[in-house]
Amino acid sequence: MIESDELLSIRAAELYYEENKTQDEIGSILRLTRWKVGRLLAQAKASGFIRIEIVHPRARRLPIERRLREARGLTDAIVVSSAGVQNDEELQSRTAQAAADYLTSLRPIPRILGISWGRTLHDVSTHLKQGWAPGVNVVQINGGVSLSKRAGTAATTAVTIAQKASGQATLLPSPAILERLETKRAIESDRAVATVLEMAAGANAYLFSAGAADQNSVHVDSGYITAENVNELVRKGAVGDVIGRYIDSNGNIVDPSLDERTVGLRLDDLRAAKLTIAVISGTSKHAVANAVVGSGLCTVLVTDEETATALLDEKA
């Protein structure tokens, strides 16, 4: 573009986007035809002089979604805008809203939805509207009985999602992690627990989040492991946990003995499923998000644009 046309395109863009002038009005001001004004606006956009940003909390970043699907081999990607976000809690809420919107739009509707639990999944449950789907039954896919009374416990999340879909919730009556392997084996051999795990293995879709390997872990908060345990897991290469199972950057289990004492579906069950929806957001979860996507633990990712950009940079 020659310099005179470049300056004209900038002036036309200023009048169009900042002064709200029509193309006819711009033509009169700049003494150009309407056709020429349209061409200048198109040139300004193509040259990168114009950046249009939709800042509504439920706005999505469609070009990044497309790149993420193509670069990381995902069936689908939902990327929310980070514009105007004040803190991690707001970003998590925005991402959870997008996950709730995605669940509501799913066709065919999953008759059995397997879910994990934690703060993010709790947020998804609160964002879902009453009647988001007809008759969806929800089953808990990993243990989550604890003494914690805060919002985000497994039972509260599963029941809320199911009730809002006029379905039933089937809970897994077990802690997430047991102290002794013999206890874990005894619990999983119990008929009631085995029935839930069988139902979980047959779910039509799975919805889960991932936790960072740090002392803010929901498992530390719930008393399943200590902060010192997390530090040791990090030394072994842990980047985070998925359905209670701590993984490294390649998606491999970092502590087999801890994993053996963890109740619920195994990671290979997620990898074998047709529809697995991961909801992950925030800077602290970039590493575990990369591990989840890179090791095939999800077919669909719901995330924020900064996390999506980090995933694209990893693949570049």
C-alpha atoms as a PDB file:
ATOM      1  CA  MET A   1       0.000   0.000   0.000  1.00  0.00           C
ATOM      2  CA  ILE A   2       1.515   3.363  -0.964  1.00  0.00           C
ATOM      3  CA  GLU A   3       1.860   5.965   1.762  1.00  0.00           C
ATOM      4  CA  SER A   4      -1.032   8.166   0.629  1.00  0.00           C
ATOM      5  CA  ASP A   5      -3.432   5.203   0.560  1.00  0.00           C
ATOM      6  CA  GLU A   6      -2.154   4.051   3.964  1.00  0.00           C
ATOM      7  CA  LEU A   7      -2.885   7.430   5.532  1.00  0.00           C
ATOM      8  CA  LEU A   8      -6.290   7.544   3.859  1.00  0.00           C
ATOM      9  CA  SER A   9      -7.131   4.073   5.151  1.00  0.00           C
ATOM     10  CA  ILE A  10      -6.219   5.125   8.700  1.00  0.00           C
ATOM     11  CA  ARG A  11      -8.320   8.275   8.406  1.00  0.00           C
ATOM     12  CA  ALA A  12     -11.260   6.310   6.990  1.00  0.00           C
ATOM     13  CA  ALA A  13     -10.970   3.788   9.846  1.00  0.00           C
ATOM     14  CA  GLU A  14     -10.924   6.578  12.444  1.00  0.00           C
ATOM     15  CA  LEU A  15     -14.063   8.135  10.992  1.00  0.00           C
ATOM     16  CA  TYR A  16     -15.833   4.782  10.654  1.00  0.00           C
ATOM     17  CA  TYR A  17     -14.960   3.164  13.995  1.00  0.00           C
ATOM     18  CA  GLU A  18     -14.386   6.152  16.292  1.00  0.00           C
ATOM     19  CA  GLU A  19     -16.719   8.795  14.842  1.00  0.00           C
ATOM     20  CA  ASN A  20     -19.453   6.332  13.763  1.00  0.00           C
ATOM     21  CA  LYS A  21     -19.641   7.851  10.293  1.00  0.00           C
ATOM     22  CA  THR A  22     -21.261   5.912   7.465  1.00  0.00           C
ATOM     23  CA  GLN A  23     -19.245   5.044   4.362  1.00  0.00           C
ATOM     24  CA  ASP A  24     -21.228   7.625   2.394  1.00  0.00           C
ATOM     25  CA  GLU A  25     -20.416  10.303   4.997  1.00  0.00           C
ATOM     26  CA  ILE A  26     -16.740   9.347   4.954  1.00  0.00           C
ATOM     27  CA  GLY A  27     -16.758   9.576   1.164  1.00  0.00           C
ATOM     28  CA  SER A  28     -18.085  13.123   1.361  1.00  0.00           C
ATOM     29  CA  ILE A  29     -15.503  14.146   3.978  1.00  0.00           C
ATOM     30  CA  LEU A  30     -12.538  12.617   2.141  1.00  0.00           C
ATOM     31  CA  ARG A  31     -13.955  13.325  -1.344  1.00  0.00           C
ATOM     32  CA  LEU A  32     -13.907   9.676  -2.297  1.00  0.00           C
ATOM     33  CA  THR A  33     -16.447   7.247  -3.715  1.00  0.00           C
ATOM     34  CA  ARG A  34     -18.225   4.877  -1.368  1.00  0.00           C
ATOM     35  CA  TRP A  35     -16.502   2.003  -3.179  1.00  0.00           C
ATOM     36  CA  LYS A  36     -13.074   3.558  -2.468  1.00  0.00           C
ATOM     37  CA  VAL A  37     -13.965   4.019   1.223  1.00  0.00           C
ATOM     38  CA  GLY A  38     -14.960   0.356   1.501  1.00  0.00           C
ATOM     39  CA  ARG A  39     -11.680  -0.702  -0.106  1.00  0.00           C
ATOM     40  CA  LEU A  40      -9.665   1.507   2.273  1.00  0.00           C
ATOM     41  CA  LEU A  41     -11.430   0.027   5.323  1.00  0.00           C
ATOM     42  CA  ALA A  42     -10.730  -3.491   4.058  1.00  0.00           C
ATOM     43  CA  GLN A  43      -7.071  -2.569   3.479  1.00  0.00           C
ATOM     44  CA  ALA A  44      -6.801  -1.102   6.983  1.00  0.00           C
ATOM     45  CA  LYS A  45      -8.111  -4.327   8.514  1.00  0.00           C
ATOM     46  CA  ALA A  46      -5.893  -6.531   6.332  1.00  0.00           C
ATOM     47  CA  SER A  47      -2.817  -4.444   7.223  1.00  0.00           C
ATOM     48  CA  GLY A  48      -3.452  -4.820  10.951  1.00  0.00           C
ATOM     49  CA  PHE A  49      -4.317  -1.152  11.557  1.00  0.00           C
ATOM     50  CA  ILE A  50      -7.671  -2.167  13.052  1.00  0.00           C
ATOM     51  CA  ARG A  51      -8.158  -4.485  16.008  1.00  0.00           C
ATOM     52  CA  ILE A  52     -11.735  -5.350  16.913  1.00  0.00           C
ATOM     53  CA  GLU A  53     -12.220  -6.812  20.390  1.00  0.00           C
ATOM     54  CA  ILE A  54     -15.504  -8.097  21.779  1.00  0.00           C
ATOM     55  CA  VAL A  55     -15.339  -7.630  25.539  1.00  0.00           C
ATOM     56  CA  HIS A  56     -18.595  -9.250  26.711  1.00  0.00           C
ATOM     57  CA  PRO A  57     -17.871 -11.862  29.439  1.00  0.00           C
ATOM     58  CA  ARG A  58     -19.371 -14.618  27.272  1.00  0.00           C
ATOM     59  CA  ALA A  59     -17.483 -13.634  24.123  1.00  0.00           C
ATOM     60  CA  ARG A  60     -15.368 -16.354  22.514  1.00  0.00           C
ATOM     61  CA  ARG A  61     -12.105 -16.186  20.570  1.00  0.00           C
ATOM     62  CA  LEU A  62     -13.125 -18.051  17.407  1.00  0.00           C
ATOM     63  CA  PRO A  63      -9.842 -17.707  15.437  1.00  0.00           C
ATOM     64  CA  ILE A  64      -7.874 -19.091  18.406  1.00  0.00           C
ATOM     65  CA  GLU A  65     -10.400 -21.930  18.772  1.00  0.00           C
ATOM     66  CA  ARG A  66      -9.853 -22.895  15.137  1.00  0.00           C
ATOM     67  CA  ARG A  67      -6.058 -22.818  15.478  1.00  0.00           C
ATOM     68  CA  LEU A  68      -6.215 -24.822  18.707  1.00  0.00           C
ATOM     69  CA  ARG A  69      -8.361 -27.533  17.141  1.00  0.00           C
ATOM     70  CA  GLU A  70      -6.024 -27.830  14.173  1.00  0.00           C
ATOM     71  CA  ALA A  71      -2.717 -27.617  16.049  1.00  0.00           C
ATOM     72  CA  ARG A  72      -3.578 -29.860  18.998  1.00  0.00           C
ATOM     73  CA  GLY A  73      -5.897 -32.382  17.342  1.00  0.00           C
ATOM     74  CA  LEU A  74      -8.985 -31.550  19.386  1.00  0.00           C
ATOM     75  CA  THR A  75     -12.532 -32.349  18.304  1.00  0.00           C
ATOM     76  CA  ASP A  76     -13.586 -28.953  19.625  1.00  0.00           C
ATOM     77  CA  ALA A  77     -12.172 -26.009  21.552  1.00  0.00           C
ATOM     78  CA  ILE A  78     -14.004 -23.243  23.399  1.00  0.00           C
ATOM     79  CA  VAL A  79     -11.838 -20.242  24.237  1.00  0.00           C
ATOM     80  CA  VAL A  80     -13.191 -17.361  26.310  1.00  0.00           C
ATOM     81  CA  SER A  81     -11.908 -13.807  26.257  1.00  0.00           C
ATOM     82  CA  SER A  82      -9.648 -12.627  29.064  1.00  0.00           C
ATOM     83  CA  ALA A  83     -10.545  -8.982  28.399  1.00  0.00           C
ATOM     84  CA  GLY A  84     -11.545  -7.077  31.515  1.00  0.00           C
ATOM     85  CA  VAL A  85     -10.846  -9.976  33.885  1.00  0.00           C
ATOM     86  CA  GLN A  86      -9.749  -8.700  37.302  1.00  0.00           C
ATOM     87  CA  ASN A  87      -8.612 -11.921  39.000  1.00  0.00           C
ATOM     88  CA  ASP A  88      -8.330 -15.708  38.692  1.00  0.00           C
ATOM     89  CA  GLU A  89     -11.736 -16.273  40.283  1.00  0.00           C
ATOM     90  CA  GLU A  90     -13.428 -14.154  37.618  1.00  0.00           C
ATOM     91  CA  LEU A  91     -11.531 -15.956  34.853  1.00  0.00           C
ATOM     92  CA  GLN A  92     -12.537 -19.338  36.280  1.00  0.00           C
ATOM     93  CA  SER A  93     -16.161 -18.241  36.479  1.00  0.00           C
ATOM     94  CA  ARG A  94     -16.086 -17.040  32.873  1.00  0.00           C
ATOM     95  CA  THR A  95     -14.605 -20.348  31.711  1.00  0.00           C
ATOM     96  CA  ALA A  96     -17.140 -22.329  33.753  1.00  0.00           C
ATOM     97  CA  GLN A  97     -19.955 -20.345  32.115  1.00  0.00           C
ATOM     98  CA  ALA A  98     -18.594 -21.308  28.706  1.00  0.00           C
ATOM     99  CA  ALA A  99     -18.504 -24.959  29.778  1.00  0.00           C
ATOM    100  CA  ALA A 100     -22.131 -24.707  30.948  1.00  0.00           C
ATOM    101  CA  ASP A 101     -23.092 -23.192  27.580  1.00  0.00           C
ATOM    102  CA  TYR A 102     -21.265 -25.983  25.762  1.00  0.00           C
ATOM    103  CA  LEU A 103     -22.979 -28.703  27.801  1.00  0.00           C
ATOM    104  CA  THR A 104     -26.352 -27.135  27.109  1.00  0.00           C
ATOM    105  CA  SER A 105     -25.672 -27.154  23.358  1.00  0.00           C
ATOM    106  CA  LEU A 106     -24.506 -30.794  23.185  1.00  0.00           C
ATOM    107  CA  ARG A 107     -26.311 -32.942  20.634  1.00  0.00           C
ATOM    108  CA  PRO A 108     -27.016 -35.749  21.048  1.00  0.00           C
ATOM    109  CA  ILE A 109     -27.737 -35.118  24.711  1.00  0.00           C
ATOM    110  CA  PRO A 110     -25.658 -37.489  26.886  1.00  0.00           C
ATOM    111  CA  ARG A 111     -27.947 -39.739  28.889  1.00  0.00           C
ATOM    112  CA  ILE A 112     -25.188 -40.492  31.396  1.00  0.00           C
ATOM    113  CA  LEU A 113     -22.669 -37.767  32.168  1.00  0.00           C
ATOM    114  CA  GLY A 114     -19.600 -38.728  34.175  1.00  0.00           C
ATOM    115  CA  ILE A 115     -18.132 -35.876  36.210  1.00  0.00           C
ATOM    116  CA  SER A 116     -15.213 -35.180  38.495  1.00  0.00           C
ATOM    117  CA  TRP A 117     -15.437 -32.540  41.204  1.00  0.00           C
ATOM    118  CA  GLY A 118     -13.695 -29.473  42.598  1.00  0.00           C
ATOM    119  CA  ARG A 119     -13.988 -25.688  42.458  1.00  0.00           C
ATOM    120  CA  THR A 120     -14.229 -25.418  38.660  1.00  0.00           C
ATOM    121  CA  LEU A 121     -16.900 -28.116  38.337  1.00  0.00           C
ATOM    122  CA  HIS A 122     -18.841 -26.486  41.162  1.00  0.00           C
ATOM    123  CA  ASP A 123     -18.806 -23.235  39.179  1.00  0.00           C
ATOM    124  CA  VAL A 124     -20.077 -25.069  36.096  1.00  0.00           C
ATOM    125  CA  SER A 125     -22.964 -26.494  38.131  1.00  0.00           C
ATOM    126  CA  THR A 126     -23.988 -23.031  39.357  1.00  0.00           C
ATOM    127  CA  HIS A 127     -23.908 -21.562  35.838  1.00  0.00           C
ATOM    128  CA  LEU A 128     -26.114 -24.280  34.345  1.00  0.00           C
ATOM    129  CA  LYS A 129     -29.719 -23.165  34.030  1.00  0.00           C
ATOM    130  CA  GLN A 130     -32.650 -25.162  35.319  1.00  0.00           C
ATOM    131  CA  GLY A 131     -33.784 -27.437  32.489  1.00  0.00           C
ATOM    132  CA  TRP A 132     -30.444 -27.244  30.640  1.00  0.00           C
ATOM    133  CA  ALA A 133     -31.206 -30.739  29.326  1.00  0.00           C
ATOM    134  CA  PRO A 134     -34.020 -33.299  29.745  1.00  0.00           C
ATOM    135  CA  GLY A 135     -33.270 -36.358  31.847  1.00  0.00           C
ATOM    136  CA  VAL A 136     -29.473 -36.435  32.100  1.00  0.00           C
ATOM    137  CA  ASN A 137     -28.204 -38.775  34.811  1.00  0.00           C
ATOM    138  CA  VAL A 138     -24.927 -37.778  36.448  1.00  0.00           C
ATOM    139  CA  VAL A 139     -22.386 -40.202  37.860  1.00  0.00           C
ATOM    140  CA  GLN A 140     -19.338 -39.345  39.935  1.00  0.00           C
ATOM    141  CA  ILE A 141     -16.180 -40.778  38.331  1.00  0.00           C
ATOM    142  CA  ASN A 142     -13.683 -40.367  41.175  1.00  0.00           C
ATOM    143  CA  GLY A 143     -13.903 -40.541  44.954  1.00  0.00           C
ATOM    144  CA  GLY A 144     -14.745 -37.368  46.780  1.00  0.00           C
ATOM    145  CA  VAL A 145     -16.158 -37.943  50.245  1.00  0.00           C
ATOM    146  CA  SER A 146     -14.471 -35.554  52.684  1.00  0.00           C
ATOM    147  CA  LEU A 147     -14.989 -33.602  55.864  1.00  0.00           C
ATOM    148  CA  SER A 148     -14.914 -30.311  53.955  1.00  0.00           C
ATOM    149  CA  LYS A 149     -18.176 -28.382  54.097  1.00  0.00           C
ATOM    150  CA  ARG A 150     -17.195 -25.733  51.553  1.00  0.00           C
ATOM    151  CA  ALA A 151     -18.839 -25.364  48.153  1.00  0.00           C
ATOM    152  CA  GLY A 152     -17.378 -27.596  45.498  1.00  0.00           C
ATOM    153  CA  THR A 153     -17.709 -31.007  47.137  1.00  0.00           C
ATOM    154  CA  ALA A 154     -18.469 -33.942  44.863  1.00  0.00           C
ATOM    155  CA  ALA A 155     -21.979 -34.619  46.127  1.00  0.00           C
ATOM    156  CA  THR A 156     -23.139 -31.002  45.842  1.00  0.00           C
ATOM    157  CA  THR A 157     -21.790 -30.662  42.310  1.00  0.00           C
ATOM    158  CA  ALA A 158     -23.219 -33.918  40.978  1.00  0.00           C
ATOM    159  CA  VAL A 159     -26.635 -33.405  42.555  1.00  0.00           C
ATOM    160  CA  THR A 160     -26.920 -29.826  41.281  1.00  0.00           C
ATOM    161  CA  ILE A 161     -26.054 -30.754  37.688  1.00  0.00           C
ATOM    162  CA  ALA A 162     -28.455 -33.704  37.736  1.00  0.00           C
ATOM    163  CA  GLN A 163     -31.355 -31.840  39.346  1.00  0.00           C
ATOM    164  CA  LYS A 164     -31.123 -29.032  36.824  1.00  0.00           C
ATOM    165  CA  ALA A 165     -31.461 -31.645  34.064  1.00  0.00           C
ATOM    166  CA  SER A 166     -34.359 -33.485  35.721  1.00  0.00           C
ATOM    167  CA  GLY A 167     -32.060 -36.459  36.192  1.00  0.00           C
ATOM    168  CA  GLN A 168     -30.559 -38.413  39.046  1.00  0.00           C
ATOM    169  CA  ALA A 169     -27.111 -38.259  40.603  1.00  0.00           C
ATOM    170  CA  THR A 170     -25.182 -41.417  41.422  1.00  0.00           C
ATOM    171  CA  LEU A 171     -22.433 -40.750  43.936  1.00  0.00           C
ATOM    172  CA  LEU A 172     -19.234 -42.690  44.534  1.00  0.00           C
ATOM    173  CA  PRO A 173     -19.259 -43.401  48.289  1.00  0.00           C
ATOM    174  CA  SER A 174     -15.534 -43.305  48.862  1.00  0.00           C
ATOM    175  CA  PRO A 175     -12.715 -40.907  49.695  1.00  0.00           C
ATOM    176  CA  ALA A 176     -10.599 -39.841  46.722  1.00  0.00           C
ATOM    177  CA  ILE A 177      -7.389 -41.323  48.126  1.00  0.00           C
ATOM    178  CA  LEU A 178      -7.011 -44.035  50.781  1.00  0.00           C
ATOM    179  CA  GLU A 179      -4.109 -44.446  53.204  1.00  0.00           C
ATOM    180  CA  ARG A 180      -3.792 -48.187  52.616  1.00  0.00           C
ATOM    181  CA  LEU A 181      -3.973 -50.152  49.383  1.00  0.00           C
ATOM    182  CA  GLU A 182      -5.850 -52.969  51.135  1.00  0.00           C
ATOM    183  CA  THR A 183      -8.573 -50.512  52.153  1.00  0.00           C
ATOM    184  CA  LYS A 184      -8.889 -49.198  48.623  1.00  0.00           C
ATOM    185  CA  ARG A 185      -9.181 -52.711  47.198  1.00  0.00           C
ATOM    186  CA  ALA A 186     -11.815 -53.597  49.774  1.00  0.00           C
ATOM    187  CA  ILE A 187     -13.858 -50.485  48.966  1.00  0.00           C
ATOM    188  CA  GLU A 188     -13.730 -51.055  45.216  1.00  0.00           C
ATOM    189  CA  SER A 189     -14.797 -54.671  45.675  1.00  0.00           C
ATOM    190  CA  ASP A 190     -17.896 -53.549  47.603  1.00  0.00           C
ATOM    191  CA  ARG A 191     -20.968 -54.125  45.447  1.00  0.00           C
ATOM    192  CA  ALA A 192     -22.316 -50.595  45.839  1.00  0.00           C
ATOM    193  CA  VAL A 193     -19.011 -48.991  44.836  1.00  0.00           C
ATOM    194  CA  ALA A 194     -18.407 -51.467  42.010  1.00  0.00           C
ATOM    195  CA  THR A 195     -21.852 -50.672  40.582  1.00  0.00           C
ATOM    196  CA  VAL A 196     -21.081 -46.946  40.512  1.00  0.00           C
ATOM    197  CA  LEU A 197     -17.706 -47.522  38.853  1.00  0.00           C
ATOM    198  CA  GLU A 198     -19.338 -49.737  36.238  1.00  0.00           C
ATOM    199  CA  MET A 199     -21.890 -47.022  35.518  1.00  0.00           C
ATOM    200  CA  ALA A 200     -19.098 -44.428  35.334  1.00  0.00           C
ATOM    201  CA  ALA A 201     -17.202 -46.545  32.817  1.00  0.00           C
ATOM    202  CA  GLY A 202     -20.279 -46.616  30.579  1.00  0.00           C
ATOM    203  CA  ALA A 203     -21.010 -42.881  30.545  1.00  0.00           C
ATOM    204  CA  ASN A 204     -21.756 -41.204  27.198  1.00  0.00           C
ATOM    205  CA  ALA A 205     -19.625 -38.151  28.031  1.00  0.00           C
ATOM    206  CA  TYR A 206     -17.196 -36.986  30.703  1.00  0.00           C
ATOM    207  CA  LEU A 207     -16.736 -33.553  32.228  1.00  0.00           C
ATOM    208  CA  PHE A 208     -13.670 -32.864  34.358  1.00  0.00           C
ATOM    209  CA  SER A 209     -11.170 -30.230  35.343  1.00  0.00           C
ATOM    210  CA  ALA A 210      -7.512 -30.399  36.357  1.00  0.00           C
ATOM    211  CA  GLY A 211      -5.663 -29.104  39.379  1.00  0.00           C
ATOM    212  CA  ALA A 212      -2.231 -27.527  39.533  1.00  0.00           C
ATOM    213  CA  ALA A 213       0.428 -29.320  41.552  1.00  0.00           C
ATOM    214  CA  ASP A 214       0.666 -26.795  44.352  1.00  0.00           C
ATOM    215  CA  GLN A 215      -0.473 -26.248  47.914  1.00  0.00           C
ATOM    216  CA  ASN A 216      -3.780 -24.769  46.726  1.00  0.00           C
ATOM    217  CA  SER A 217      -4.823 -28.203  45.502  1.00  0.00           C
ATOM    218  CA  VAL A 218      -8.373 -29.208  46.353  1.00  0.00           C
ATOM    219  CA  HIS A 219      -6.923 -32.510  47.586  1.00  0.00           C
ATOM    220  CA  VAL A 220      -4.805 -30.690  50.154  1.00  0.00           C
ATOM    221  CA  ASP A 221      -7.808 -28.582  51.141  1.00  0.00           C
ATOM    222  CA  SER A 222      -9.908 -31.724  51.561  1.00  0.00           C
ATOM    223  CA  GLY A 223      -7.289 -33.511  53.625  1.00  0.00           C
ATOM    224  CA  TYR A 224      -6.448 -36.343  51.221  1.00  0.00           C
ATOM    225  CA  ILE A 225      -2.776 -35.376  50.944  1.00  0.00           C
ATOM    226  CA  THR A 226      -0.520 -32.850  52.657  1.00  0.00           C
ATOM    227  CA  ALA A 227       1.406 -29.882  51.280  1.00  0.00           C
ATOM    228  CA  GLU A 228       4.573 -31.918  51.840  1.00  0.00           C
ATOM    229  CA  ASN A 229       3.114 -34.727  49.722  1.00  0.00           C
ATOM    230  CA  VAL A 230       2.522 -32.250  46.890  1.00  0.00           C
ATOM    231  CA  ASN A 231       6.100 -30.976  47.127  1.00  0.00           C
ATOM    232  CA  GLU A 232       7.356 -34.541  46.783  1.00  0.00           C
ATOM    233  CA  LEU A 233       5.087 -35.122  43.784  1.00  0.00           C
ATOM    234  CA  VAL A 234       6.477 -31.985  42.145  1.00  0.00           C
ATOM    235  CA  ARG A 235      10.006 -33.265  42.715  1.00  0.00           C
ATOM    236  CA  LYS A 236       8.968 -36.397  40.847  1.00  0.00           C
ATOM    237  CA  GLY A 237       7.782 -34.274  37.922  1.00  0.00           C
ATOM    238  CA  ALA A 238       4.096 -33.676  38.682  1.00  0.00           C
ATOM    239  CA  VAL A 239       2.445 -30.743  36.866  1.00  0.00           C
ATOM    240  CA  GLY A 240      -1.050 -31.356  38.214  1.00  0.00           C
ATOM    241  CA  ASP A 241      -3.835 -33.864  38.769  1.00  0.00           C
ATOM    242  CA  VAL A 242      -6.714 -35.163  36.678  1.00  0.00           C
ATOM    243  CA  ILE A 243      -9.570 -37.001  38.435  1.00  0.00           C
ATOM    244  CA  GLY A 244      -7.314 -37.204  41.482  1.00  0.00           C
ATOM    245  CA  ARG A 245      -4.359 -38.755  39.637  1.00  0.00           C
ATOM    246  CA  TYR A 246      -1.101 -36.788  39.512  1.00  0.00           C
ATOM    247  CA  ILE A 247       0.599 -36.641  36.108  1.00  0.00           C
ATOM    248  CA  ASP A 248       3.812 -35.321  34.600  1.00  0.00           C
ATOM    249  CA  SER A 249       4.169 -33.164  31.490  1.00  0.00           C
ATOM    250  CA  ASN A 250       3.648 -36.219  29.257  1.00  0.00           C
ATOM    251  CA  GLY A 251       0.479 -37.324  31.021  1.00  0.00           C
ATOM    252  CA  ASN A 252       2.148 -40.205  32.853  1.00  0.00           C
ATOM    253  CA  ILE A 253       1.440 -41.131  36.484  1.00  0.00           C
ATOM    254  CA  VAL A 254       4.252 -39.779  38.678  1.00  0.00           C
ATOM    255  CA  ASP A 255       3.667 -41.902  41.793  1.00  0.00           C
ATOM    256  CA  PRO A 256       2.288 -45.401  41.040  1.00  0.00           C
ATOM    257  CA  SER A 257       1.814 -46.251  44.717  1.00  0.00           C
ATOM    258  CA  LEU A 258      -0.326 -43.138  45.309  1.00  0.00           C
ATOM    259  CA  ASP A 259      -2.233 -43.840  42.113  1.00  0.00           C
ATOM    260  CA  GLU A 260      -2.997 -47.373  43.284  1.00  0.00           C
ATOM    261  CA  ARG A 261      -4.637 -45.899  46.391  1.00  0.00           C
ATOM    262  CA  THR A 262      -6.777 -43.482  44.319  1.00  0.00           C
ATOM    263  CA  VAL A 263     -10.421 -44.445  43.792  1.00  0.00           C
ATOM    264  CA  GLY A 264     -12.197 -43.949  40.489  1.00  0.00           C
ATOM    265  CA  LEU A 265     -11.780 -44.216  36.744  1.00  0.00           C
ATOM    266  CA  ARG A 266      -8.261 -44.563  35.430  1.00  0.00           C
ATOM    267  CA  LEU A 267      -6.760 -42.133  32.938  1.00  0.00           C
ATOM    268  CA  ASP A 268      -6.840 -44.737  30.167  1.00  0.00           C
ATOM    269  CA  ASP A 269     -10.623 -44.819  30.572  1.00  0.00           C
ATOM    270  CA  LEU A 270     -10.725 -41.116  29.654  1.00  0.00           C
ATOM    271  CA  ARG A 271      -8.356 -41.618  26.736  1.00  0.00           C
ATOM    272  CA  ALA A 272     -10.584 -44.367  25.340  1.00  0.00           C
ATOM    273  CA  ALA A 273     -13.811 -42.329  25.574  1.00  0.00           C
ATOM    274  CA  LYS A 274     -15.358 -40.564  22.577  1.00  0.00           C
ATOM    275  CA  LEU A 275     -16.334 -37.347  24.367  1.00  0.00           C
ATOM    276  CA  THR A 276     -14.193 -35.989  27.199  1.00  0.00           C
ATOM    277  CA  ILE A 277     -14.580 -32.316  28.097  1.00  0.00           C
ATOM    278  CA  ALA A 278     -11.796 -30.664  30.096  1.00  0.00           C
ATOM    279  CA  VAL A 279     -12.455 -27.284  31.732  1.00  0.00           C
ATOM    280  CA  ILE A 280      -9.133 -25.663  32.607  1.00  0.00           C
ATOM    281  CA  SER A 281      -8.185 -22.011  33.056  1.00  0.00           C
ATOM    282  CA  GLY A 282      -5.605 -19.794  34.701  1.00  0.00           C
ATOM    283  CA  THR A 283      -1.856 -19.244  34.479  1.00  0.00           C
ATOM    284  CA  SER A 284      -1.091 -21.768  37.217  1.00  0.00           C
ATOM    285  CA  LYS A 285      -2.691 -24.509  35.100  1.00  0.00           C
ATOM    286  CA  HIS A 286      -0.866 -23.940  31.795  1.00  0.00           C
ATOM    287  CA  ALA A 287       1.450 -26.906  32.410  1.00  0.00           C
ATOM    288  CA  VAL A 288      -1.287 -29.359  33.362  1.00  0.00           C
ATOM    289  CA  ALA A 289      -3.485 -28.127  30.488  1.00  0.00           C
ATOM    290  CA  ASN A 290      -0.651 -28.911  28.085  1.00  0.00           C
ATOM    291  CA  ALA A 291      -0.252 -32.370  29.633  1.00  0.00           C
ATOM    292  CA  VAL A 292      -3.991 -33.077  29.371  1.00  0.00           C
ATOM    293  CA  VAL A 293      -4.221 -32.023  25.728  1.00  0.00           C
ATOM    294  CA  GLY A 294      -0.893 -33.519  24.695  1.00  0.00           C
ATOM    295  CA  SER A 295      -1.591 -36.947  26.189  1.00  0.00           C
ATOM    296  CA  GLY A 296      -5.089 -37.306  24.737  1.00  0.00           C
ATOM    297  CA  LEU A 297      -7.021 -37.003  27.981  1.00  0.00           C
ATOM    298  CA  CYS A 298      -9.636 -34.728  26.415  1.00  0.00           C
ATOM    299  CA  THR A 299     -11.355 -34.420  23.056  1.00  0.00           C
ATOM    300  CA  VAL A 300     -12.824 -31.010  23.933  1.00  0.00           C
ATOM    301  CA  LEU A 301     -11.091 -28.206  25.833  1.00  0.00           C
ATOM    302  CA  VAL A 302     -12.839 -25.246  27.447  1.00  0.00           C
ATOM    303  CA  THR A 303     -10.279 -22.642  28.455  1.00  0.00           C
ATOM    304  CA  ASP A 304      -9.224 -18.966  28.425  1.00  0.00           C
ATOM    305  CA  GLU A 305      -7.306 -17.239  25.638  1.00  0.00           C
ATOM    306  CA  GLU A 306      -4.025 -16.963  27.567  1.00  0.00           C
ATOM    307  CA  THR A 307      -4.013 -20.692  28.282  1.00  0.00           C
ATOM    308  CA  ALA A 308      -4.965 -21.390  24.656  1.00  0.00           C
ATOM    309  CA  THR A 309      -2.113 -19.185  23.433  1.00  0.00           C
ATOM    310  CA  ALA A 310       0.319 -21.015  25.734  1.00  0.00           C
ATOM    311  CA  LEU A 311      -0.855 -24.338  24.263  1.00  0.00           C
ATOM    312  CA  LEU A 312      -0.284 -23.020  20.740  1.00  0.00           C
ATOM    313  CA  ASP A 313       3.175 -21.756  21.690  1.00  0.00           C
ATOM    314  CA  GLU A 314       4.057 -25.213  23.056  1.00  0.00           C
ATOM    315  CA  LYS A 315       3.165 -26.740  19.688  1.00  0.00           C
ATOM    316  CA  ALA A 316       4.972 -24.110  17.612  1.00  0.00           C
END
